[in-house]
Amino acid sequence: MPIVLRRLAAWFACAGGVVACAVALMVVASIAGRAAMSQPIPGDVELTQFGIGLAIALCLPWAQLRGANIIVDFFTQRAGAGALRRLDGLGSLLLAAMVGVLAWRSAVGAASVAEAQEQTMILGLPMWWSYAILSPGLALTAVIALVQAVLHWGGRPAFVEAE
């Protein structure tokens, strides 16, 4: 696996973790404000939706890089190493295609929503942000999965082990 993809995935995952922690702190502050002073953080639900969507999209490349997806191997338990490698390559290729389409369509959706100038109800944030923040993580996941498909079919290790 190219080092640049490993580093990008690690940086994306760290950023996703920071965003998830920030959302958690904001939710705690909003609940505490609501309970103590009847003053929640305005737009806390909107911010939570944006933040968690971003955190998930940023963490997907790392999960793919590490092979941390759920694998159902009921039908392939007795398959040989070569057959498993080919199937893993096919699975990686299909995943690359799927998240590649999702990255593309979320970018197109962001442009469309930006053109319509839609905004969130409470904070008035541009809705296109919620689409645009998904694209980088999905695109990196697609690239990693595509490289993994090639590595699987070439008989080389495709998943990065814990360092």
C-alpha atoms as a PDB file:
ATOM      1  CA  MET A   1       0.000   0.000   0.000  1.00  0.00           C
ATOM      2  CA  PRO A   2       1.511   3.362  -0.978  1.00  0.00           C
ATOM      3  CA  ILE A   3       2.685   5.384   2.019  1.00  0.00           C
ATOM      4  CA  VAL A   4       0.819   8.479   0.821  1.00  0.00           C
ATOM      5  CA  LEU A   5      -2.498   6.616   1.053  1.00  0.00           C
ATOM      6  CA  ARG A   6      -1.623   5.328   4.516  1.00  0.00           C
ATOM      7  CA  ARG A   7      -0.748   8.792   5.739  1.00  0.00           C
ATOM      8  CA  LEU A   8      -3.822  10.399   4.188  1.00  0.00           C
ATOM      9  CA  ALA A   9      -6.069   7.749   5.706  1.00  0.00           C
ATOM     10  CA  ALA A  10      -4.441   8.245   9.115  1.00  0.00           C
ATOM     11  CA  TRP A  11      -4.854  12.034   8.908  1.00  0.00           C
ATOM     12  CA  PHE A  12      -8.471  11.666   7.806  1.00  0.00           C
ATOM     13  CA  ALA A  13      -9.157   9.256  10.697  1.00  0.00           C
ATOM     14  CA  CYS A  14      -7.543  11.596  13.226  1.00  0.00           C
ATOM     15  CA  ALA A  15      -9.589  14.492  11.894  1.00  0.00           C
ATOM     16  CA  GLY A  16     -12.719  12.326  12.056  1.00  0.00           C
ATOM     17  CA  GLY A  17     -11.947  11.454  15.673  1.00  0.00           C
ATOM     18  CA  VAL A  18     -11.455  15.114  16.563  1.00  0.00           C
ATOM     19  CA  VAL A  19     -14.767  16.009  14.906  1.00  0.00           C
ATOM     20  CA  ALA A  20     -16.580  13.179  16.728  1.00  0.00           C
ATOM     21  CA  CYS A  21     -15.115  14.327  20.074  1.00  0.00           C
ATOM     22  CA  ALA A  22     -16.105  17.937  19.364  1.00  0.00           C
ATOM     23  CA  VAL A  23     -19.656  16.821  18.565  1.00  0.00           C
ATOM     24  CA  ALA A  24     -19.770  14.776  21.783  1.00  0.00           C
ATOM     25  CA  LEU A  25     -18.613  17.771  23.845  1.00  0.00           C
ATOM     26  CA  MET A  26     -21.147  20.021  22.121  1.00  0.00           C
ATOM     27  CA  VAL A  27     -23.966  17.557  22.832  1.00  0.00           C
ATOM     28  CA  VAL A  28     -22.957  17.319  26.510  1.00  0.00           C
ATOM     29  CA  ALA A  29     -22.812  21.121  26.763  1.00  0.00           C
ATOM     30  CA  SER A  30     -26.190  21.449  25.082  1.00  0.00           C
ATOM     31  CA  ILE A  31     -27.818  18.886  27.375  1.00  0.00           C
ATOM     32  CA  ALA A  32     -26.239  20.480  30.445  1.00  0.00           C
ATOM     33  CA  GLY A  33     -27.388  23.920  29.305  1.00  0.00           C
ATOM     34  CA  ARG A  34     -30.885  22.605  28.701  1.00  0.00           C
ATOM     35  CA  ALA A  35     -31.045  20.926  32.113  1.00  0.00           C
ATOM     36  CA  ALA A  36     -29.409  23.676  34.162  1.00  0.00           C
ATOM     37  CA  MET A  37     -30.641  26.866  32.522  1.00  0.00           C
ATOM     38  CA  SER A  38     -33.223  25.817  29.935  1.00  0.00           C
ATOM     39  CA  GLN A  39     -30.704  27.075  27.337  1.00  0.00           C
ATOM     40  CA  PRO A  40     -29.567  24.383  24.866  1.00  0.00           C
ATOM     41  CA  ILE A  41     -27.054  25.232  22.164  1.00  0.00           C
ATOM     42  CA  PRO A  42     -29.085  26.581  19.238  1.00  0.00           C
ATOM     43  CA  GLY A  43     -28.908  24.247  16.247  1.00  0.00           C
ATOM     44  CA  ASP A  44     -27.307  21.413  18.197  1.00  0.00           C
ATOM     45  CA  VAL A  45     -29.153  18.803  16.136  1.00  0.00           C
ATOM     46  CA  GLU A  46     -28.029  20.401  12.860  1.00  0.00           C
ATOM     47  CA  LEU A  47     -24.428  20.582  14.051  1.00  0.00           C
ATOM     48  CA  THR A  48     -24.566  16.979  15.271  1.00  0.00           C
ATOM     49  CA  GLN A  49     -25.845  15.786  11.895  1.00  0.00           C
ATOM     50  CA  PHE A  50     -23.119  17.647  10.007  1.00  0.00           C
ATOM     51  CA  GLY A  51     -20.380  16.591  12.417  1.00  0.00           C
ATOM     52  CA  ILE A  52     -21.194  12.902  12.639  1.00  0.00           C
ATOM     53  CA  GLY A  53     -21.613  12.633   8.863  1.00  0.00           C
ATOM     54  CA  LEU A  54     -18.175  14.207   8.465  1.00  0.00           C
ATOM     55  CA  ALA A  55     -16.612  11.990  11.143  1.00  0.00           C
ATOM     56  CA  ILE A  56     -17.935   8.811   9.529  1.00  0.00           C
ATOM     57  CA  ALA A  57     -16.831   9.816   6.036  1.00  0.00           C
ATOM     58  CA  LEU A  58     -13.360  10.704   7.315  1.00  0.00           C
ATOM     59  CA  CYS A  59     -12.942   7.391   9.154  1.00  0.00           C
ATOM     60  CA  LEU A  60     -14.028   5.149   6.249  1.00  0.00           C
ATOM     61  CA  PRO A  61     -10.637   5.213   4.464  1.00  0.00           C
ATOM     62  CA  TRP A  62      -8.839   4.028   7.609  1.00  0.00           C
ATOM     63  CA  ALA A  63     -11.328   1.214   8.126  1.00  0.00           C
ATOM     64  CA  GLN A  64     -10.849   0.089   4.516  1.00  0.00           C
ATOM     65  CA  LEU A  65      -7.078   0.381   4.747  1.00  0.00           C
ATOM     66  CA  ARG A  66      -7.031  -1.866   7.818  1.00  0.00           C
ATOM     67  CA  GLY A  67      -9.564  -4.384   6.477  1.00  0.00           C
ATOM     68  CA  ALA A  68     -11.888  -3.540   9.354  1.00  0.00           C
ATOM     69  CA  ASN A  69     -15.091  -4.143   7.418  1.00  0.00           C
ATOM     70  CA  ILE A  70     -17.475  -6.906   8.343  1.00  0.00           C
ATOM     71  CA  ILE A  71     -16.762 -10.031   6.320  1.00  0.00           C
ATOM     72  CA  VAL A  72     -19.289 -12.828   6.117  1.00  0.00           C
ATOM     73  CA  ASP A  73     -17.254 -15.901   5.268  1.00  0.00           C
ATOM     74  CA  PHE A  74     -19.897 -18.567   5.711  1.00  0.00           C
ATOM     75  CA  PHE A  75     -19.680 -19.684   2.076  1.00  0.00           C
ATOM     76  CA  THR A  76     -15.934 -19.229   1.685  1.00  0.00           C
ATOM     77  CA  GLN A  77     -14.632 -20.964   4.814  1.00  0.00           C
ATOM     78  CA  ARG A  78     -13.301 -23.868   2.800  1.00  0.00           C
ATOM     79  CA  ALA A  79     -12.048 -21.891  -0.183  1.00  0.00           C
ATOM     80  CA  GLY A  80      -8.353 -21.892  -0.965  1.00  0.00           C
ATOM     81  CA  ALA A  81      -6.064 -18.900  -0.540  1.00  0.00           C
ATOM     82  CA  GLY A  82      -6.126 -18.103  -4.273  1.00  0.00           C
ATOM     83  CA  ALA A  83      -9.915 -18.113  -4.444  1.00  0.00           C
ATOM     84  CA  LEU A  84     -10.129 -15.919  -1.343  1.00  0.00           C
ATOM     85  CA  ARG A  85      -7.635 -13.476  -2.838  1.00  0.00           C
ATOM     86  CA  ARG A  86      -9.667 -13.234  -6.048  1.00  0.00           C
ATOM     87  CA  LEU A  87     -12.917 -12.772  -4.117  1.00  0.00           C
ATOM     88  CA  ASP A  88     -11.331 -10.141  -1.864  1.00  0.00           C
ATOM     89  CA  GLY A  89     -10.086  -8.356  -4.971  1.00  0.00           C
ATOM     90  CA  LEU A  90     -13.560  -8.434  -6.485  1.00  0.00           C
ATOM     91  CA  GLY A  91     -15.065  -7.155  -3.236  1.00  0.00           C
ATOM     92  CA  SER A  92     -12.536  -4.321  -3.110  1.00  0.00           C
ATOM     93  CA  LEU A  93     -13.261  -3.425  -6.729  1.00  0.00           C
ATOM     94  CA  LEU A  94     -17.023  -3.386  -6.100  1.00  0.00           C
ATOM     95  CA  LEU A  95     -16.535  -1.254  -2.984  1.00  0.00           C
ATOM     96  CA  ALA A  96     -14.310   1.147  -4.935  1.00  0.00           C
ATOM     97  CA  ALA A  97     -17.033   1.506  -7.568  1.00  0.00           C
ATOM     98  CA  MET A  98     -19.765   2.037  -4.977  1.00  0.00           C
ATOM     99  CA  VAL A  99     -17.989   4.654  -2.853  1.00  0.00           C
ATOM    100  CA  GLY A 100     -16.624   6.293  -6.002  1.00  0.00           C
ATOM    101  CA  VAL A 101     -20.182   6.785  -7.241  1.00  0.00           C
ATOM    102  CA  LEU A 102     -21.221   8.037  -3.791  1.00  0.00           C
ATOM    103  CA  ALA A 103     -18.332  10.540  -3.742  1.00  0.00           C
ATOM    104  CA  TRP A 104     -19.229  11.777  -7.221  1.00  0.00           C
ATOM    105  CA  ARG A 105     -22.956  12.031  -6.517  1.00  0.00           C
ATOM    106  CA  SER A 106     -22.452  13.763  -3.163  1.00  0.00           C
ATOM    107  CA  ALA A 107     -20.272  16.357  -4.913  1.00  0.00           C
ATOM    108  CA  VAL A 108     -22.898  16.815  -7.640  1.00  0.00           C
ATOM    109  CA  GLY A 109     -25.594  17.012  -4.960  1.00  0.00           C
ATOM    110  CA  ALA A 110     -23.606  19.664  -3.104  1.00  0.00           C
ATOM    111  CA  ALA A 111     -23.377  21.774  -6.267  1.00  0.00           C
ATOM    112  CA  SER A 112     -27.101  21.370  -6.917  1.00  0.00           C
ATOM    113  CA  VAL A 113     -28.110  22.276  -3.365  1.00  0.00           C
ATOM    114  CA  ALA A 114     -25.692  25.230  -3.375  1.00  0.00           C
ATOM    115  CA  GLU A 115     -27.325  26.492  -6.549  1.00  0.00           C
ATOM    116  CA  ALA A 116     -30.742  26.230  -4.892  1.00  0.00           C
ATOM    117  CA  GLN A 117     -29.342  28.118  -1.855  1.00  0.00           C
ATOM    118  CA  GLU A 118     -31.006  25.812   0.662  1.00  0.00           C
ATOM    119  CA  GLN A 119     -30.203  26.464   4.321  1.00  0.00           C
ATOM    120  CA  THR A 120     -30.728  24.672   7.605  1.00  0.00           C
ATOM    121  CA  MET A 121     -33.800  25.736   9.539  1.00  0.00           C
ATOM    122  CA  ILE A 122     -32.278  26.996  12.807  1.00  0.00           C
ATOM    123  CA  LEU A 123     -28.743  28.196  12.076  1.00  0.00           C
ATOM    124  CA  GLY A 124     -29.210  29.047   8.413  1.00  0.00           C
ATOM    125  CA  LEU A 125     -26.117  27.062   7.425  1.00  0.00           C
ATOM    126  CA  PRO A 126     -25.807  26.220   3.736  1.00  0.00           C
ATOM    127  CA  MET A 127     -27.170  22.699   3.180  1.00  0.00           C
ATOM    128  CA  TRP A 128     -24.605  21.983   0.486  1.00  0.00           C
ATOM    129  CA  TRP A 129     -21.993  21.675   3.242  1.00  0.00           C
ATOM    130  CA  SER A 130     -23.602  18.458   4.446  1.00  0.00           C
ATOM    131  CA  TYR A 131     -23.127  16.909   0.987  1.00  0.00           C
ATOM    132  CA  ALA A 132     -19.708  18.352   0.238  1.00  0.00           C
ATOM    133  CA  ILE A 133     -18.111  17.116   3.481  1.00  0.00           C
ATOM    134  CA  LEU A 134     -18.765  13.510   2.471  1.00  0.00           C
ATOM    135  CA  SER A 135     -16.908  13.566  -0.847  1.00  0.00           C
ATOM    136  CA  PRO A 136     -13.233  13.628   0.264  1.00  0.00           C
ATOM    137  CA  GLY A 137     -13.558  10.665   2.630  1.00  0.00           C
ATOM    138  CA  LEU A 138     -15.569   8.646   0.142  1.00  0.00           C
ATOM    139  CA  ALA A 139     -13.139   9.446  -2.684  1.00  0.00           C
ATOM    140  CA  LEU A 140     -10.122   8.384  -0.603  1.00  0.00           C
ATOM    141  CA  THR A 141     -11.930   5.173   0.355  1.00  0.00           C
ATOM    142  CA  ALA A 142     -12.525   4.465  -3.344  1.00  0.00           C
ATOM    143  CA  VAL A 143      -8.847   4.976  -4.202  1.00  0.00           C
ATOM    144  CA  ILE A 144      -7.699   2.747  -1.332  1.00  0.00           C
ATOM    145  CA  ALA A 145     -10.160  -0.001  -2.282  1.00  0.00           C
ATOM    146  CA  LEU A 146      -9.041   0.161  -5.924  1.00  0.00           C
ATOM    147  CA  VAL A 147      -5.383  -0.195  -4.927  1.00  0.00           C
ATOM    148  CA  GLN A 148      -6.345  -3.080  -2.639  1.00  0.00           C
ATOM    149  CA  ALA A 149      -8.104  -4.859  -5.511  1.00  0.00           C
ATOM    150  CA  VAL A 150      -4.880  -4.684  -7.539  1.00  0.00           C
ATOM    151  CA  LEU A 151      -2.834  -5.862  -4.553  1.00  0.00           C
ATOM    152  CA  HIS A 152      -5.191  -8.784  -3.858  1.00  0.00           C
ATOM    153  CA  TRP A 153      -5.057  -9.936  -7.461  1.00  0.00           C
ATOM    154  CA  GLY A 154      -1.277  -9.534  -7.502  1.00  0.00           C
ATOM    155  CA  GLY A 155      -0.943 -11.783  -4.451  1.00  0.00           C
ATOM    156  CA  ARG A 156       0.482  -9.013  -2.277  1.00  0.00           C
ATOM    157  CA  PRO A 157      -0.777  -7.953   1.181  1.00  0.00           C
ATOM    158  CA  ALA A 158      -3.599  -5.457   0.754  1.00  0.00           C
ATOM    159  CA  PHE A 159      -4.422  -4.578   4.336  1.00  0.00           C
ATOM    160  CA  VAL A 160      -2.221  -2.548   6.650  1.00  0.00           C
ATOM    161  CA  GLU A 161      -1.569  -4.175  10.008  1.00  0.00           C
ATOM    162  CA  ALA A 162      -1.426  -2.288  13.306  1.00  0.00           C
ATOM    163  CA  GLU A 163       1.882  -0.477  13.668  1.00  0.00           C
END
